[in-house]
Amino acid sequence: MITSSRIKLILVALVLGAGLLFAAYVWITLSVSYSEGERAGYLQKFSKRGWVCKTWEGELLLTSMPGAIPEKFQFSVRDPELAKRMSEATGKRVLLSYAQHKGVPTSCFGETEYYAEKLQVPAQ
């Protein structure tokens, strides 16, 4: 016969198990990148935004052929030191190294799936 204390123990174990599975999934999605690359362009916009989870979000205006409409590349930044450097480089031509992380379950880690990892500001 199953007692009420046994049922409570089972429920607690299920909740803890689900929490651990979710934490493991988040860790995997943030640790393993789907793709990596670099983009060059002008750092047009960079801001910290969000209602509950404040994240650093940026927009790179990709340079293309003269006369063509430039494409925008949106990205997130998780490193505070990199975010500081990004703020200082707003409006400048930059080279951005990024990693793409698919399946991140919440926007508390960033609003996009592209996470900036390195910033270079070429001499002008």
N, C-alpha and C. Protein backbone atom coordinates (compact mmCIF):
# COMPACT_ATOMS: atom_id res chain seq x y z
N MET A 1 0.84 -1.17 0.00
CA MET A 1 0.00 0.00 0.00
C MET A 1 0.89 1.25 0.00
N ILE A 2 0.51 2.22 -0.80
CA ILE A 2 1.27 3.46 -0.92
C ILE A 2 0.73 4.48 0.08
N THR A 3 1.63 5.00 0.91
CA THR A 3 1.22 5.98 1.92
C THR A 3 1.35 7.40 1.34
N SER A 4 0.77 8.37 2.04
CA SER A 4 0.81 9.75 1.55
C SER A 4 2.24 10.30 1.58
N SER A 5 3.05 9.87 2.54
CA SER A 5 4.45 10.33 2.57
C SER A 5 5.23 9.75 1.39
N ARG A 6 4.89 8.56 0.99
CA ARG A 6 5.54 7.93 -0.17
C ARG A 6 5.16 8.68 -1.46
N ILE A 7 3.90 9.09 -1.56
CA ILE A 7 3.44 9.84 -2.73
C ILE A 7 4.15 11.19 -2.79
N LYS A 8 4.29 11.85 -1.65
CA LYS A 8 5.00 13.13 -1.60
C LYS A 8 6.45 12.96 -2.03
N LEU A 9 7.09 11.91 -1.59
CA LEU A 9 8.47 11.64 -1.96
C LEU A 9 8.60 11.41 -3.47
N ILE A 10 7.67 10.68 -4.04
CA ILE A 10 7.67 10.42 -5.48
C ILE A 10 7.48 11.73 -6.25
N LEU A 11 6.55 12.58 -5.80
CA LEU A 11 6.31 13.86 -6.47
C LEU A 11 7.53 14.77 -6.40
N VAL A 12 8.18 14.83 -5.24
CA VAL A 12 9.40 15.63 -5.09
C VAL A 12 10.49 15.10 -6.02
N ALA A 13 10.64 13.79 -6.09
CA ALA A 13 11.64 13.19 -6.97
C ALA A 13 11.35 13.51 -8.44
N LEU A 14 10.08 13.48 -8.83
CA LEU A 14 9.71 13.81 -10.21
C LEU A 14 10.01 15.27 -10.54
N VAL A 15 9.68 16.17 -9.62
CA VAL A 15 9.93 17.60 -9.84
C VAL A 15 11.43 17.86 -9.92
N LEU A 16 12.21 17.28 -9.00
CA LEU A 16 13.66 17.45 -9.02
C LEU A 16 14.27 16.85 -10.29
N GLY A 17 13.77 15.70 -10.70
CA GLY A 17 14.26 15.06 -11.93
C GLY A 17 13.98 15.93 -13.15
N ALA A 18 12.77 16.50 -13.23
CA ALA A 18 12.43 17.38 -14.35
C ALA A 18 13.31 18.63 -14.34
N GLY A 19 13.55 19.18 -13.16
CA GLY A 19 14.42 20.35 -13.05
C GLY A 19 15.84 20.06 -13.48
N LEU A 20 16.35 18.90 -13.09
CA LEU A 20 17.71 18.51 -13.50
C LEU A 20 17.79 18.27 -15.00
N LEU A 21 16.78 17.66 -15.57
CA LEU A 21 16.76 17.45 -17.03
C LEU A 21 16.73 18.79 -17.77
N PHE A 22 15.93 19.73 -17.28
CA PHE A 22 15.86 21.05 -17.91
C PHE A 22 17.20 21.76 -17.81
N ALA A 23 17.83 21.72 -16.64
CA ALA A 23 19.14 22.36 -16.44
C ALA A 23 20.19 21.74 -17.35
N ALA A 24 20.17 20.43 -17.50
CA ALA A 24 21.12 19.75 -18.39
C ALA A 24 20.89 20.16 -19.84
N TYR A 25 19.63 20.27 -20.24
CA TYR A 25 19.30 20.68 -21.61
C TYR A 25 19.80 22.11 -21.87
N VAL A 26 19.57 23.02 -20.93
CA VAL A 26 20.03 24.41 -21.09
C VAL A 26 21.55 24.44 -21.18
N TRP A 27 22.22 23.70 -20.32
CA TRP A 27 23.69 23.67 -20.33
C TRP A 27 24.20 23.15 -21.67
N ILE A 28 23.60 22.11 -22.20
CA ILE A 28 24.04 21.55 -23.49
C ILE A 28 23.82 22.55 -24.61
N THR A 29 22.65 23.19 -24.67
CA THR A 29 22.38 24.13 -25.76
C THR A 29 23.31 25.34 -25.72
N LEU A 30 23.74 25.75 -24.53
CA LEU A 30 24.64 26.89 -24.43
C LEU A 30 26.11 26.50 -24.57
N SER A 31 26.43 25.24 -24.42
CA SER A 31 27.82 24.79 -24.50
C SER A 31 28.21 24.28 -25.88
N VAL A 32 27.28 23.68 -26.58
CA VAL A 32 27.56 23.08 -27.88
C VAL A 32 27.03 24.02 -28.97
N SER A 33 27.92 24.46 -29.86
CA SER A 33 27.47 25.37 -30.90
C SER A 33 27.13 24.61 -32.17
N TYR A 34 26.10 25.07 -32.85
CA TYR A 34 25.66 24.48 -34.12
C TYR A 34 26.58 24.94 -35.24
N SER A 35 26.95 26.22 -35.22
CA SER A 35 27.88 26.75 -36.22
C SER A 35 28.65 27.91 -35.61
N GLU A 36 29.76 28.24 -36.24
CA GLU A 36 30.59 29.37 -35.82
C GLU A 36 31.00 30.13 -37.06
N GLY A 37 31.23 31.43 -36.90
CA GLY A 37 31.63 32.21 -38.06
C GLY A 37 31.99 33.63 -37.69
N GLU A 38 32.18 34.43 -38.73
CA GLU A 38 32.53 35.83 -38.55
C GLU A 38 31.66 36.67 -39.48
N ARG A 39 31.34 37.86 -39.03
CA ARG A 39 30.59 38.81 -39.84
C ARG A 39 31.29 40.16 -39.71
N ALA A 40 31.35 40.90 -40.83
CA ALA A 40 31.95 42.23 -40.83
C ALA A 40 30.88 43.24 -41.20
N GLY A 41 30.92 44.38 -40.54
CA GLY A 41 29.98 45.44 -40.85
C GLY A 41 30.06 46.54 -39.83
N TYR A 42 29.03 47.37 -39.81
CA TYR A 42 28.98 48.49 -38.89
C TYR A 42 28.07 48.15 -37.72
N LEU A 43 28.58 48.32 -36.52
CA LEU A 43 27.79 48.06 -35.32
C LEU A 43 26.79 49.20 -35.18
N GLN A 44 25.57 48.94 -35.61
CA GLN A 44 24.55 49.97 -35.70
C GLN A 44 23.84 50.21 -34.38
N LYS A 45 23.55 49.14 -33.67
CA LYS A 45 22.75 49.27 -32.45
C LYS A 45 23.24 48.27 -31.43
N PHE A 46 23.32 48.71 -30.16
CA PHE A 46 23.71 47.81 -29.09
C PHE A 46 23.04 48.28 -27.81
N SER A 47 22.26 47.42 -27.18
CA SER A 47 21.52 47.84 -25.99
C SER A 47 21.25 46.66 -25.07
N LYS A 48 20.99 47.00 -23.82
CA LYS A 48 20.58 46.00 -22.83
C LYS A 48 19.08 46.11 -22.71
N ARG A 49 18.39 45.00 -22.94
CA ARG A 49 16.93 45.07 -22.93
C ARG A 49 16.31 43.80 -22.38
N GLY A 50 15.03 43.90 -22.07
CA GLY A 50 14.27 42.78 -21.53
C GLY A 50 13.46 43.21 -20.32
N TRP A 51 12.33 42.56 -20.10
CA TRP A 51 11.47 42.88 -18.96
C TRP A 51 12.01 42.29 -17.67
N VAL A 52 12.20 40.99 -17.66
CA VAL A 52 12.67 40.31 -16.46
C VAL A 52 14.15 39.99 -16.59
N CYS A 53 14.52 39.35 -17.66
CA CYS A 53 15.91 38.98 -17.91
C CYS A 53 16.52 40.03 -18.84
N LYS A 54 17.42 40.83 -18.33
CA LYS A 54 18.10 41.84 -19.13
C LYS A 54 19.25 41.19 -19.89
N THR A 55 19.23 41.33 -21.22
CA THR A 55 20.29 40.76 -22.05
C THR A 55 20.83 41.84 -22.97
N TRP A 56 22.09 41.69 -23.37
CA TRP A 56 22.72 42.60 -24.32
C TRP A 56 22.41 42.12 -25.72
N GLU A 57 21.83 43.00 -26.52
CA GLU A 57 21.44 42.66 -27.90
C GLU A 57 22.04 43.69 -28.85
N GLY A 58 22.52 43.23 -30.00
CA GLY A 58 23.13 44.12 -30.97
C GLY A 58 22.66 43.86 -32.38
N GLU A 59 22.98 44.82 -33.22
CA GLU A 59 22.61 44.74 -34.62
C GLU A 59 23.78 45.23 -35.46
N LEU A 60 24.22 44.37 -36.36
CA LEU A 60 25.34 44.67 -37.23
C LEU A 60 24.79 44.91 -38.63
N LEU A 61 25.15 46.04 -39.21
CA LEU A 61 24.74 46.36 -40.57
C LEU A 61 25.82 45.82 -41.50
N LEU A 62 25.51 44.73 -42.19
CA LEU A 62 26.50 44.07 -43.03
C LEU A 62 26.76 44.88 -44.29
N THR A 63 28.02 45.04 -44.60
CA THR A 63 28.37 45.79 -45.80
C THR A 63 28.26 44.86 -47.00
N SER A 64 27.77 45.42 -48.07
CA SER A 64 27.61 44.62 -49.28
C SER A 64 28.06 45.46 -50.47
N MET A 65 27.59 45.12 -51.62
CA MET A 65 27.96 45.84 -52.83
C MET A 65 27.40 47.27 -52.78
N PRO A 66 28.09 48.23 -53.34
CA PRO A 66 27.58 49.61 -53.35
C PRO A 66 26.22 49.68 -54.05
N GLY A 67 25.31 50.40 -53.42
CA GLY A 67 23.98 50.56 -54.00
C GLY A 67 22.98 49.51 -53.54
N ALA A 68 23.45 48.42 -52.95
CA ALA A 68 22.55 47.36 -52.47
C ALA A 68 22.05 47.70 -51.07
N ILE A 69 20.88 47.20 -50.73
CA ILE A 69 20.33 47.42 -49.39
C ILE A 69 21.09 46.53 -48.41
N PRO A 70 21.67 47.13 -47.37
CA PRO A 70 22.45 46.32 -46.42
C PRO A 70 21.56 45.37 -45.61
N GLU A 71 22.12 44.24 -45.26
CA GLU A 71 21.42 43.24 -44.45
C GLU A 71 21.78 43.47 -42.99
N LYS A 72 20.82 43.20 -42.10
CA LYS A 72 21.07 43.34 -40.67
C LYS A 72 21.32 41.97 -40.06
N PHE A 73 22.30 41.90 -39.18
CA PHE A 73 22.63 40.68 -38.45
C PHE A 73 22.42 40.96 -36.97
N GLN A 74 21.46 40.29 -36.37
CA GLN A 74 21.16 40.50 -34.96
C GLN A 74 21.85 39.43 -34.14
N PHE A 75 22.38 39.84 -32.97
CA PHE A 75 23.14 38.93 -32.12
C PHE A 75 22.96 39.29 -30.66
N SER A 76 23.34 38.37 -29.79
CA SER A 76 23.30 38.55 -28.34
C SER A 76 24.71 38.46 -27.78
N VAL A 77 24.93 39.07 -26.62
CA VAL A 77 26.23 39.02 -25.96
C VAL A 77 26.01 38.58 -24.52
N ARG A 78 26.75 37.58 -24.08
CA ARG A 78 26.63 37.08 -22.71
C ARG A 78 27.77 37.55 -21.82
N ASP A 79 28.91 37.92 -22.39
CA ASP A 79 30.09 38.31 -21.62
C ASP A 79 30.05 39.82 -21.33
N PRO A 80 30.03 40.23 -20.04
CA PRO A 80 29.95 41.66 -19.70
C PRO A 80 31.13 42.49 -20.23
N GLU A 81 32.33 41.91 -20.24
CA GLU A 81 33.49 42.63 -20.75
C GLU A 81 33.36 42.88 -22.25
N LEU A 82 32.88 41.89 -22.98
CA LEU A 82 32.64 42.04 -24.42
C LEU A 82 31.53 43.07 -24.66
N ALA A 83 30.52 43.07 -23.81
CA ALA A 83 29.43 44.04 -23.94
C ALA A 83 29.96 45.47 -23.77
N LYS A 84 30.89 45.65 -22.85
CA LYS A 84 31.49 46.97 -22.65
C LYS A 84 32.24 47.42 -23.90
N ARG A 85 33.01 46.50 -24.48
CA ARG A 85 33.76 46.81 -25.71
C ARG A 85 32.81 47.11 -26.87
N MET A 86 31.69 46.38 -26.92
CA MET A 86 30.69 46.61 -27.98
C MET A 86 30.10 48.01 -27.85
N SER A 87 29.78 48.42 -26.64
CA SER A 87 29.21 49.75 -26.41
C SER A 87 30.15 50.83 -26.91
N GLU A 88 31.44 50.64 -26.70
CA GLU A 88 32.44 51.61 -27.14
C GLU A 88 32.61 51.61 -28.66
N ALA A 89 32.28 50.50 -29.31
CA ALA A 89 32.48 50.38 -30.76
C ALA A 89 31.22 50.70 -31.57
N THR A 90 30.15 51.11 -30.92
CA THR A 90 28.91 51.40 -31.65
C THR A 90 29.17 52.50 -32.68
N GLY A 91 28.72 52.24 -33.91
CA GLY A 91 28.90 53.18 -35.01
C GLY A 91 30.16 52.92 -35.83
N LYS A 92 31.01 52.02 -35.36
CA LYS A 92 32.26 51.74 -36.06
C LYS A 92 32.17 50.46 -36.87
N ARG A 93 33.08 50.33 -37.83
CA ARG A 93 33.19 49.10 -38.61
C ARG A 93 33.90 48.07 -37.72
N VAL A 94 33.34 46.86 -37.63
CA VAL A 94 33.88 45.84 -36.75
C VAL A 94 33.88 44.48 -37.44
N LEU A 95 34.64 43.56 -36.88
CA LEU A 95 34.63 42.16 -37.28
C LEU A 95 34.17 41.38 -36.05
N LEU A 96 33.07 40.67 -36.21
CA LEU A 96 32.42 39.98 -35.10
C LEU A 96 32.52 38.48 -35.28
N SER A 97 33.09 37.78 -34.29
CA SER A 97 33.11 36.32 -34.29
C SER A 97 31.93 35.85 -33.43
N TYR A 98 31.21 34.85 -33.91
CA TYR A 98 30.01 34.42 -33.20
C TYR A 98 29.87 32.90 -33.25
N ALA A 99 29.01 32.40 -32.38
CA ALA A 99 28.63 30.98 -32.37
C ALA A 99 27.11 30.93 -32.38
N GLN A 100 26.57 30.00 -33.14
CA GLN A 100 25.12 29.83 -33.22
C GLN A 100 24.72 28.68 -32.31
N HIS A 101 23.79 28.96 -31.40
CA HIS A 101 23.30 27.95 -30.47
C HIS A 101 21.81 27.77 -30.70
N LYS A 102 21.45 26.65 -31.29
CA LYS A 102 20.04 26.37 -31.59
C LYS A 102 19.37 25.73 -30.37
N GLY A 103 18.09 26.04 -30.18
CA GLY A 103 17.30 25.37 -29.18
C GLY A 103 17.42 25.88 -27.76
N VAL A 104 18.01 27.07 -27.55
CA VAL A 104 18.08 27.62 -26.20
C VAL A 104 16.64 27.92 -25.77
N PRO A 105 16.20 27.34 -24.66
CA PRO A 105 14.78 27.33 -24.33
C PRO A 105 14.16 28.64 -23.84
N THR A 106 14.95 29.62 -23.48
CA THR A 106 14.37 30.85 -22.94
C THR A 106 15.17 32.05 -23.43
N SER A 107 14.53 33.21 -23.48
CA SER A 107 15.23 34.41 -23.93
C SER A 107 16.05 35.05 -22.81
N CYS A 108 16.12 34.42 -21.65
CA CYS A 108 16.94 34.95 -20.55
C CYS A 108 18.43 34.86 -20.85
N PHE A 109 18.82 34.10 -21.85
CA PHE A 109 20.22 33.97 -22.23
C PHE A 109 20.54 34.81 -23.46
N GLY A 110 19.52 35.36 -24.09
CA GLY A 110 19.68 36.16 -25.29
C GLY A 110 18.47 35.99 -26.19
N GLU A 111 18.13 37.06 -26.92
CA GLU A 111 16.94 37.01 -27.76
C GLU A 111 17.18 36.35 -29.11
N THR A 112 18.44 36.17 -29.48
CA THR A 112 18.75 35.54 -30.76
C THR A 112 19.48 34.22 -30.51
N GLU A 113 19.70 33.48 -31.57
CA GLU A 113 20.47 32.24 -31.43
C GLU A 113 21.95 32.46 -31.78
N TYR A 114 22.31 33.70 -32.10
CA TYR A 114 23.70 34.04 -32.42
C TYR A 114 24.31 34.78 -31.23
N TYR A 115 25.41 34.24 -30.70
CA TYR A 115 26.08 34.80 -29.54
C TYR A 115 27.48 35.27 -29.92
N ALA A 116 27.72 36.57 -29.74
CA ALA A 116 29.03 37.14 -30.06
C ALA A 116 30.06 36.63 -29.07
N GLU A 117 31.22 36.27 -29.59
CA GLU A 117 32.29 35.75 -28.75
C GLU A 117 33.55 36.62 -28.77
N LYS A 118 33.75 37.36 -29.87
CA LYS A 118 34.95 38.15 -30.01
C LYS A 118 34.66 39.35 -30.90
N LEU A 119 35.30 40.47 -30.61
CA LEU A 119 35.12 41.69 -31.39
C LEU A 119 36.47 42.25 -31.78
N GLN A 120 36.61 42.59 -33.06
CA GLN A 120 37.82 43.26 -33.53
C GLN A 120 37.39 44.55 -34.20
N VAL A 121 38.09 45.63 -33.86
CA VAL A 121 37.84 46.92 -34.50
C VAL A 121 39.07 47.23 -35.33
N PRO A 122 38.98 47.07 -36.67
CA PRO A 122 40.15 47.33 -37.52
C PRO A 122 40.57 48.81 -37.44
N ALA A 123 41.85 49.06 -37.62
CA ALA A 123 42.34 50.44 -37.63
C ALA A 123 41.75 51.17 -38.82
N GLN A 124 41.31 52.41 -38.58
CA GLN A 124 40.66 53.15 -39.66
C GLN A 124 41.44 54.33 -40.08
